[in-house]
C-alpha atoms as a PDB file:
ATOM      1  CA  MET A   1      -0.021  -0.068   0.079  1.00  0.00           C
ATOM      2  CA  ASN A   2       1.327   3.423  -1.089  1.00  0.00           C
ATOM      3  CA  ARG A   3       0.803   6.253   1.588  1.00  0.00           C
ATOM      4  CA  ILE A   4       1.574   9.772   1.842  1.00  0.00           C
ATOM      5  CA  TRP A   5       3.180   9.120   5.269  1.00  0.00           C
ATOM      6  CA  GLU A   6       4.664   6.075   6.673  1.00  0.00           C
ATOM      7  CA  ALA A   7       6.036   5.447  10.058  1.00  0.00           C
ATOM      8  CA  ASP A   8      10.111   5.063  10.006  1.00  0.00           C
ATOM      9  CA  PRO A   9      10.941   2.175  12.322  1.00  0.00           C
ATOM     10  CA  SER A  10      14.362   3.338  12.606  1.00  0.00           C
ATOM     11  CA  ALA A  11      13.476   6.480  14.476  1.00  0.00           C
ATOM     12  CA  GLY A  12      14.705   6.823  18.029  1.00  0.00           C
ATOM     13  CA  PHE A  13      13.046   8.387  21.074  1.00  0.00           C
ATOM     14  CA  ALA A  14      14.246  11.919  21.363  1.00  0.00           C
ATOM     15  CA  ARG A  15      12.184  13.234  24.389  1.00  0.00           C
ATOM     16  CA  ARG A  16       9.062  12.904  26.429  1.00  0.00           C
ATOM     17  CA  LEU A  17       6.342  15.476  25.642  1.00  0.00           C
ATOM     18  CA  GLY A  18       4.866  16.502  28.992  1.00  0.00           C
ATOM     19  CA  LYS A  19       5.076  14.813  32.351  1.00  0.00           C
ATOM     20  CA  PRO A  20       5.231  11.333  33.284  1.00  0.00           C
ATOM     21  CA  ALA A  21       1.777   9.924  33.964  1.00  0.00           C
ATOM     22  CA  ALA A  22       2.814   9.061  37.564  1.00  0.00           C
ATOM     23  CA  LEU A  23       3.515  12.750  38.161  1.00  0.00           C
ATOM     24  CA  LEU A  24       0.180  14.248  36.675  1.00  0.00           C
ATOM     25  CA  ASP A  25      -2.474  15.766  38.880  1.00  0.00           C
ATOM     26  CA  PRO A  26      -4.350  13.459  39.479  1.00  0.00           C
ATOM     27  CA  PRO A  27      -1.749  10.712  38.694  1.00  0.00           C
ATOM     28  CA  GLN A  28      -2.619   8.360  35.921  1.00  0.00           C
ATOM     29  CA  SER A  29      -0.302   5.530  36.731  1.00  0.00           C
ATOM     30  CA  GLY A  30       1.879   4.149  39.462  1.00  0.00           C
ATOM     31  CA  VAL A  31       5.724   4.736  39.107  1.00  0.00           C
ATOM     32  CA  ARG A  32       6.320   0.996  38.254  1.00  0.00           C
ATOM     33  CA  ASP A  33       3.145   0.614  36.241  1.00  0.00           C
ATOM     34  CA  GLY A  34       2.997   0.533  32.505  1.00  0.00           C
ATOM     35  CA  CYS A  35       1.901   3.995  31.827  1.00  0.00           C
ATOM     36  CA  PRO A  36       0.587   6.231  29.004  1.00  0.00           C
ATOM     37  CA  GLU A  37       3.336   8.289  27.290  1.00  0.00           C
ATOM     38  CA  ILE A  38       3.937  10.959  24.532  1.00  0.00           C
ATOM     39  CA  TRP A  39       7.241  10.978  22.908  1.00  0.00           C
ATOM     40  CA  ALA A  40       8.927  13.140  20.335  1.00  0.00           C
ATOM     41  CA  MET A  41      10.822  10.928  18.122  1.00  0.00           C
ATOM     42  CA  ASP A  42      14.402  12.066  16.470  1.00  0.00           C
ATOM     43  CA  ASN A  43      12.792  12.325  13.105  1.00  0.00           C
ATOM     44  CA  GLY A  44       9.893  14.810  14.216  1.00  0.00           C
ATOM     45  CA  ASP A  45       7.159  11.968  14.449  1.00  0.00           C
ATOM     46  CA  VAL A  46       5.246  11.740  17.783  1.00  0.00           C
ATOM     47  CA  ALA A  47       4.676   8.145  19.397  1.00  0.00           C
ATOM     48  CA  VAL A  48       1.851   7.665  22.002  1.00  0.00           C
ATOM     49  CA  ILE A  49       1.678   4.881  24.359  1.00  0.00           C
ATOM     50  CA  GLY A  50      -1.742   4.201  25.873  1.00  0.00           C
ATOM     51  CA  ARG A  51      -4.700   1.695  26.040  1.00  0.00           C
ATOM     52  CA  ASP A  52      -5.377  -0.004  22.628  1.00  0.00           C
ATOM     53  CA  LEU A  53      -9.195   0.234  22.178  1.00  0.00           C
ATOM     54  CA  THR A  54      -9.334  -0.268  18.580  1.00  0.00           C
ATOM     55  CA  ASP A  55     -11.675  -3.237  18.838  1.00  0.00           C
ATOM     56  CA  VAL A  56     -14.027  -1.375  21.182  1.00  0.00           C
ATOM     57  CA  TYR A  57     -14.415   1.741  18.964  1.00  0.00           C
ATOM     58  CA  ARG A  58     -14.009   0.308  15.376  1.00  0.00           C
ATOM     59  CA  SER A  59     -17.790  -0.338  15.046  1.00  0.00           C
ATOM     60  CA  TYR A  60     -19.007   3.134  15.748  1.00  0.00           C
ATOM     61  CA  LEU A  61     -16.078   5.460  14.427  1.00  0.00           C
ATOM     62  CA  PRO A  62     -17.488   8.731  12.691  1.00  0.00           C
ATOM     63  CA  ASP A  63     -18.128   7.975   8.840  1.00  0.00           C
ATOM     64  CA  ASN A  64     -15.058   9.695   7.705  1.00  0.00           C
ATOM     65  CA  VAL A  65     -12.650   7.942  10.104  1.00  0.00           C
ATOM     66  CA  ARG A  66     -10.973   4.786   9.296  1.00  0.00           C
ATOM     67  CA  ILE A  67      -8.499   2.485  11.119  1.00  0.00           C
ATOM     68  CA  ALA A  68      -6.142   0.590   8.811  1.00  0.00           C
ATOM     69  CA  ASP A  69      -5.222  -2.866   9.499  1.00  0.00           C
ATOM     70  CA  ASP A  70      -1.828  -2.050  10.777  1.00  0.00           C
ATOM     71  CA  GLU A  71      -3.150   0.990  12.904  1.00  0.00           C
ATOM     72  CA  ARG A  72      -4.502   1.066  16.318  1.00  0.00           C
ATOM     73  CA  LEU A  73      -6.668   3.590  18.216  1.00  0.00           C
ATOM     74  CA  VAL A  74      -5.061   4.530  21.477  1.00  0.00           C
ATOM     75  CA  ILE A  75      -6.687   6.310  24.286  1.00  0.00           C
ATOM     76  CA  ILE A  76      -4.600   8.601  26.789  1.00  0.00           C
ATOM     77  CA  PRO A  77      -5.530  10.605  29.803  1.00  0.00           C
ATOM     78  CA  GLY A  78      -6.735  14.135  28.784  1.00  0.00           C
ATOM     79  CA  ASN A  79      -4.437  15.675  31.480  1.00  0.00           C
ATOM     80  CA  LEU A  80      -1.340  13.709  29.925  1.00  0.00           C
ATOM     81  CA  LEU A  81      -1.879  15.463  26.648  1.00  0.00           C
ATOM     82  CA  SER A  82      -2.547  18.740  28.256  1.00  0.00           C
ATOM     83  CA  SER A  83       0.745  18.471  30.066  1.00  0.00           C
ATOM     84  CA  ALA A  84       2.362  18.127  26.840  1.00  0.00           C
ATOM     85  CA  LYS A  85       1.045  21.201  25.259  1.00  0.00           C
ATOM     86  CA  PRO A  86       4.088  23.494  26.272  1.00  0.00           C
ATOM     87  CA  ASP A  87       6.347  20.944  24.606  1.00  0.00           C
ATOM     88  CA  ILE A  88       4.317  20.926  21.279  1.00  0.00           C
ATOM     89  CA  ALA A  89       5.245  23.599  18.748  1.00  0.00           C
ATOM     90  CA  ASP A  90       2.372  25.654  17.295  1.00  0.00           C
ATOM     91  CA  ALA A  91       1.739  25.079  13.712  1.00  0.00           C
END
């Protein structure tokens, strides 16, 4: 499949965007738990670690939204994204 954008599996993790989930107010994980994260990659892409709810949401996506077979719908806490706002450049 030819796509306009493709993830680069050779990209490395450059820096966390926002706070660790355990340091949010309220905390969204324990220090040793697997926890949601947002990371800037060294090629400019962004990696999101969250709960895979693809199968839960696939049947009731908005009409103009598609999830490819090699994609996943990931949910993260809203306050995690809010904490990353200062680290994300304005478009």
